[in-house]
Amino acid sequence: MHIRASDMDWDDVNWFNPSEFPGGVLDHVEGALIMALDDFRALLGQPIVPSPVPGGWCRNDGSTTSRHYAVERLSDAGDIFPQCDIRTALLHALGCEWFGGIGVYLDTTGPSGKPEAMLHLDMRPERVLWLRYEGRYIYPLRSAGEMAAFWQRLGEYRYDAA
């Protein structure tokens, strides 16, 4: 059963509240995604800031294969800014069975207006892992070269806790 995040019982959510999300997006997002993110936040043990960009939650244009796409269905994808080293967040996300799509973005601007790594999490049935660096998508399981680039970019990333 699909329940809109705007219609779910937010008393069951421990780590987020509706005001943290861009206006109107919760009408187009699966409630199950919010619950999965809430569980992920508990496992991570670090704050998570939901993307302030509406397109980080739902979109009505572009690719119909995007998990953010929300026309005649609810989006089951969200972009978040974990307030910890992105590698720590990635490892925790990989351990969560409910996330199929996991994307690490090293070329995004955070809610603070400064460069900050972002994590895309979605509930597709199969596991897909990628990293975006300088606009280039790297899929580590596609080739040995992409796997090397994936680990290189993650290794070069510097987390600024300030």
C-alpha atoms as a PDB file:
ATOM      1  CA  MET A   1       0.000   0.000   0.000  1.00  0.00           C
ATOM      2  CA  HIS A   2       1.305   3.404  -0.976  1.00  0.00           C
ATOM      3  CA  ILE A   3       0.859   6.227   1.500  1.00  0.00           C
ATOM      4  CA  ARG A   4       1.819   9.799   0.756  1.00  0.00           C
ATOM      5  CA  ALA A   5       4.358  11.178   3.178  1.00  0.00           C
ATOM      6  CA  SER A   6       1.981  14.091   3.769  1.00  0.00           C
ATOM      7  CA  ASP A   7      -0.728  11.641   4.940  1.00  0.00           C
ATOM      8  CA  MET A   8       1.384   9.440   7.208  1.00  0.00           C
ATOM      9  CA  ASP A   9       1.438   9.647  10.978  1.00  0.00           C
ATOM     10  CA  TRP A  10       4.461  11.823  11.692  1.00  0.00           C
ATOM     11  CA  ASP A  11       4.281  10.845  15.367  1.00  0.00           C
ATOM     12  CA  ASP A  12       5.940   7.592  14.206  1.00  0.00           C
ATOM     13  CA  VAL A  13       8.919   9.519  12.804  1.00  0.00           C
ATOM     14  CA  ASN A  14      11.719  10.084  15.299  1.00  0.00           C
ATOM     15  CA  TRP A  15      14.299  12.139  13.428  1.00  0.00           C
ATOM     16  CA  PHE A  16      12.459  14.312  10.893  1.00  0.00           C
ATOM     17  CA  ASN A  17       9.464  16.607  10.745  1.00  0.00           C
ATOM     18  CA  PRO A  18       7.515  17.873   7.726  1.00  0.00           C
ATOM     19  CA  SER A  19       8.868  21.426   8.041  1.00  0.00           C
ATOM     20  CA  GLU A  20      12.354  20.165   7.081  1.00  0.00           C
ATOM     21  CA  PHE A  21      11.179  19.325   3.558  1.00  0.00           C
ATOM     22  CA  PRO A  22      10.480  21.771   0.709  1.00  0.00           C
ATOM     23  CA  GLY A  23       6.871  22.902   0.571  1.00  0.00           C
ATOM     24  CA  GLY A  24       4.497  20.557  -1.225  1.00  0.00           C
ATOM     25  CA  VAL A  25       6.940  17.712  -1.912  1.00  0.00           C
ATOM     26  CA  LEU A  26       5.559  15.385   0.753  1.00  0.00           C
ATOM     27  CA  ASP A  27       2.324  15.135  -1.286  1.00  0.00           C
ATOM     28  CA  HIS A  28       4.385  13.347  -3.965  1.00  0.00           C
ATOM     29  CA  VAL A  29       6.731  11.180  -1.861  1.00  0.00           C
ATOM     30  CA  GLU A  30       6.231   7.620  -0.565  1.00  0.00           C
ATOM     31  CA  GLY A  31       5.736   7.576   3.193  1.00  0.00           C
ATOM     32  CA  ALA A  32       7.826   4.383   3.236  1.00  0.00           C
ATOM     33  CA  LEU A  33      10.825   6.418   2.045  1.00  0.00           C
ATOM     34  CA  ILE A  34      10.535   8.782   4.999  1.00  0.00           C
ATOM     35  CA  MET A  35      10.304   5.831   7.393  1.00  0.00           C
ATOM     36  CA  ALA A  36      13.360   4.207   5.768  1.00  0.00           C
ATOM     37  CA  LEU A  37      15.284   7.482   6.067  1.00  0.00           C
ATOM     38  CA  ASP A  38      14.241   7.708   9.706  1.00  0.00           C
ATOM     39  CA  ASP A  39      15.607   4.192  10.332  1.00  0.00           C
ATOM     40  CA  PHE A  40      18.756   5.073   8.387  1.00  0.00           C
ATOM     41  CA  ARG A  41      19.257   8.174  10.550  1.00  0.00           C
ATOM     42  CA  ALA A  42      18.970   6.039  13.696  1.00  0.00           C
ATOM     43  CA  LEU A  43      21.570   3.569  12.362  1.00  0.00           C
ATOM     44  CA  LEU A  44      23.913   6.321  11.224  1.00  0.00           C
ATOM     45  CA  GLY A  45      23.818   8.092  14.575  1.00  0.00           C
ATOM     46  CA  GLN A  46      24.438  11.450  12.906  1.00  0.00           C
ATOM     47  CA  PRO A  47      22.117  14.261  11.808  1.00  0.00           C
ATOM     48  CA  ILE A  48      20.783  14.258   8.265  1.00  0.00           C
ATOM     49  CA  VAL A  49      19.575  17.368   6.462  1.00  0.00           C
ATOM     50  CA  PRO A  50      16.965  16.721   3.754  1.00  0.00           C
ATOM     51  CA  SER A  51      17.736  18.460   0.472  1.00  0.00           C
ATOM     52  CA  PRO A  52      16.065  21.869   0.369  1.00  0.00           C
ATOM     53  CA  VAL A  53      15.653  21.504  -3.419  1.00  0.00           C
ATOM     54  CA  PRO A  54      12.175  20.256  -4.410  1.00  0.00           C
ATOM     55  CA  GLY A  55      13.679  18.177  -7.247  1.00  0.00           C
ATOM     56  CA  GLY A  56      15.631  16.237  -4.654  1.00  0.00           C
ATOM     57  CA  TRP A  57      12.295  14.700  -3.627  1.00  0.00           C
ATOM     58  CA  CYS A  58       9.958  14.745  -6.596  1.00  0.00           C
ATOM     59  CA  ARG A  59       9.943  15.765 -10.236  1.00  0.00           C
ATOM     60  CA  ASN A  60       7.249  15.895 -12.856  1.00  0.00           C
ATOM     61  CA  ASP A  61       9.434  16.453 -15.901  1.00  0.00           C
ATOM     62  CA  GLY A  62      12.390  14.607 -17.335  1.00  0.00           C
ATOM     63  CA  SER A  63      13.016  10.891 -17.282  1.00  0.00           C
ATOM     64  CA  THR A  64      10.127   8.657 -16.291  1.00  0.00           C
ATOM     65  CA  THR A  65      12.721   6.094 -15.153  1.00  0.00           C
ATOM     66  CA  SER A  66      14.020   8.449 -12.441  1.00  0.00           C
ATOM     67  CA  ARG A  67      12.995   7.321  -8.968  1.00  0.00           C
ATOM     68  CA  HIS A  68      12.265  11.022  -8.260  1.00  0.00           C
ATOM     69  CA  TYR A  69       9.632  11.038 -11.024  1.00  0.00           C
ATOM     70  CA  ALA A  70       6.205  11.589  -9.451  1.00  0.00           C
ATOM     71  CA  VAL A  71       3.548  11.616 -12.147  1.00  0.00           C
ATOM     72  CA  GLU A  72       0.846   8.963 -11.646  1.00  0.00           C
ATOM     73  CA  ARG A  73       3.028   7.484  -8.902  1.00  0.00           C
ATOM     74  CA  LEU A  74       4.804   8.604  -5.733  1.00  0.00           C
ATOM     75  CA  SER A  75       8.535   9.291  -5.709  1.00  0.00           C
ATOM     76  CA  ASP A  76      10.565   6.802  -3.707  1.00  0.00           C
ATOM     77  CA  ALA A  77      13.839   8.730  -3.898  1.00  0.00           C
ATOM     78  CA  GLY A  78      15.344  11.427  -1.742  1.00  0.00           C
ATOM     79  CA  ASP A  79      18.538  13.452  -1.599  1.00  0.00           C
ATOM     80  CA  ILE A  80      20.070  14.041   1.804  1.00  0.00           C
ATOM     81  CA  PHE A  81      23.087  15.721   3.337  1.00  0.00           C
ATOM     82  CA  PRO A  82      24.461  13.491   6.121  1.00  0.00           C
ATOM     83  CA  GLN A  83      26.289  15.603   8.680  1.00  0.00           C
ATOM     84  CA  CYS A  84      29.245  13.220   8.800  1.00  0.00           C
ATOM     85  CA  ASP A  85      31.879  11.874   6.446  1.00  0.00           C
ATOM     86  CA  ILE A  86      30.034  10.744   3.311  1.00  0.00           C
ATOM     87  CA  ARG A  87      31.992   7.472   3.348  1.00  0.00           C
ATOM     88  CA  THR A  88      30.508   6.627   6.745  1.00  0.00           C
ATOM     89  CA  ALA A  89      27.025   7.392   5.446  1.00  0.00           C
ATOM     90  CA  LEU A  90      27.689   5.308   2.316  1.00  0.00           C
ATOM     91  CA  LEU A  91      28.757   2.275   4.338  1.00  0.00           C
ATOM     92  CA  HIS A  92      25.648   2.502   6.491  1.00  0.00           C
ATOM     93  CA  ALA A  93      23.412   2.899   3.416  1.00  0.00           C
ATOM     94  CA  LEU A  94      24.992  -0.164   1.797  1.00  0.00           C
ATOM     95  CA  GLY A  95      23.971  -2.141   4.862  1.00  0.00           C
ATOM     96  CA  CYS A  96      20.319  -1.131   4.544  1.00  0.00           C
ATOM     97  CA  GLU A  97      18.273  -3.648   2.600  1.00  0.00           C
ATOM     98  CA  TRP A  98      15.505  -1.163   1.821  1.00  0.00           C
ATOM     99  CA  PHE A  99      17.687   1.106  -0.361  1.00  0.00           C
ATOM    100  CA  GLY A 100      18.300  -0.182  -3.874  1.00  0.00           C
ATOM    101  CA  GLY A 101      19.713   2.959  -5.450  1.00  0.00           C
ATOM    102  CA  ILE A 102      22.605   4.616  -3.636  1.00  0.00           C
ATOM    103  CA  GLY A 103      24.365   7.575  -5.203  1.00  0.00           C
ATOM    104  CA  VAL A 104      27.193   9.618  -3.742  1.00  0.00           C
ATOM    105  CA  TYR A 105      27.469  13.166  -5.101  1.00  0.00           C
ATOM    106  CA  LEU A 106      30.768  14.908  -4.458  1.00  0.00           C
ATOM    107  CA  ASP A 107      29.926  17.955  -6.591  1.00  0.00           C
ATOM    108  CA  THR A 108      26.905  19.434  -4.815  1.00  0.00           C
ATOM    109  CA  THR A 109      26.233  22.534  -2.791  1.00  0.00           C
ATOM    110  CA  GLY A 110      24.771  21.846   0.625  1.00  0.00           C
ATOM    111  CA  PRO A 111      21.997  23.673   2.458  1.00  0.00           C
ATOM    112  CA  SER A 112      24.699  25.932   3.939  1.00  0.00           C
ATOM    113  CA  GLY A 113      25.497  27.220   0.447  1.00  0.00           C
ATOM    114  CA  LYS A 114      28.962  25.625   0.575  1.00  0.00           C
ATOM    115  CA  PRO A 115      30.240  22.514  -1.235  1.00  0.00           C
ATOM    116  CA  GLU A 116      28.959  19.456   0.586  1.00  0.00           C
ATOM    117  CA  ALA A 117      28.650  15.777  -0.324  1.00  0.00           C
ATOM    118  CA  MET A 118      25.134  14.483  -0.883  1.00  0.00           C
ATOM    119  CA  LEU A 119      23.633  11.010  -0.755  1.00  0.00           C
ATOM    120  CA  HIS A 120      20.803   9.919  -3.042  1.00  0.00           C
ATOM    121  CA  LEU A 121      18.779   7.021  -1.624  1.00  0.00           C
ATOM    122  CA  ASP A 122      15.898   5.290  -3.348  1.00  0.00           C
ATOM    123  CA  MET A 123      13.797   2.194  -2.898  1.00  0.00           C
ATOM    124  CA  ARG A 124      14.206   0.492  -6.280  1.00  0.00           C
ATOM    125  CA  PRO A 125      14.172  -3.298  -6.020  1.00  0.00           C
ATOM    126  CA  GLU A 126      17.697  -3.878  -7.323  1.00  0.00           C
ATOM    127  CA  ARG A 127      21.005  -2.483  -6.016  1.00  0.00           C
ATOM    128  CA  VAL A 128      22.639   0.207  -8.130  1.00  0.00           C
ATOM    129  CA  LEU A 129      25.618   2.184  -6.851  1.00  0.00           C
ATOM    130  CA  TRP A 130      27.117   5.298  -8.397  1.00  0.00           C
ATOM    131  CA  LEU A 131      29.189   8.360  -7.659  1.00  0.00           C
ATOM    132  CA  ARG A 132      29.066  11.739  -9.356  1.00  0.00           C
ATOM    133  CA  TYR A 133      32.213  13.827  -9.502  1.00  0.00           C
ATOM    134  CA  GLU A 134      32.495  17.026 -11.557  1.00  0.00           C
ATOM    135  CA  GLY A 135      29.277  16.114 -13.363  1.00  0.00           C
ATOM    136  CA  ARG A 136      30.527  12.667 -14.400  1.00  0.00           C
ATOM    137  CA  TYR A 137      28.660   9.576 -13.274  1.00  0.00           C
ATOM    138  CA  ILE A 138      30.848   6.669 -12.199  1.00  0.00           C
ATOM    139  CA  TYR A 139      29.326   3.194 -11.803  1.00  0.00           C
ATOM    140  CA  PRO A 140      31.914   1.064  -9.961  1.00  0.00           C
ATOM    141  CA  LEU A 141      30.436  -2.271 -11.043  1.00  0.00           C
ATOM    142  CA  ARG A 142      30.440  -1.390 -14.755  1.00  0.00           C
ATOM    143  CA  SER A 143      34.179  -1.788 -15.341  1.00  0.00           C
ATOM    144  CA  ALA A 144      37.533  -2.061 -13.592  1.00  0.00           C
ATOM    145  CA  GLY A 145      38.320   1.491 -14.678  1.00  0.00           C
ATOM    146  CA  GLU A 146      35.164   2.875 -13.153  1.00  0.00           C
ATOM    147  CA  MET A 147      35.741   0.910  -9.963  1.00  0.00           C
ATOM    148  CA  ALA A 148      39.234   2.408  -9.691  1.00  0.00           C
ATOM    149  CA  ALA A 149      37.840   5.900 -10.334  1.00  0.00           C
ATOM    150  CA  PHE A 150      35.104   5.356  -7.735  1.00  0.00           C
ATOM    151  CA  TRP A 151      37.598   4.443  -4.993  1.00  0.00           C
ATOM    152  CA  GLN A 152      40.023   7.154  -6.071  1.00  0.00           C
ATOM    153  CA  ARG A 153      37.415   9.919  -5.854  1.00  0.00           C
ATOM    154  CA  LEU A 154      36.097   8.653  -2.518  1.00  0.00           C
ATOM    155  CA  GLY A 155      39.672   8.472  -1.207  1.00  0.00           C
ATOM    156  CA  GLU A 156      40.441  12.020  -2.299  1.00  0.00           C
ATOM    157  CA  TYR A 157      37.309  13.477  -0.723  1.00  0.00           C
ATOM    158  CA  ARG A 158      38.002  15.590   2.342  1.00  0.00           C
ATOM    159  CA  TYR A 159      35.287  15.910   4.933  1.00  0.00           C
ATOM    160  CA  ASP A 160      35.140  19.249   6.722  1.00  0.00           C
ATOM    161  CA  ALA A 161      33.302  18.810  10.015  1.00  0.00           C
ATOM    162  CA  ALA A 162      33.087  22.570  10.564  1.00  0.00           C
END
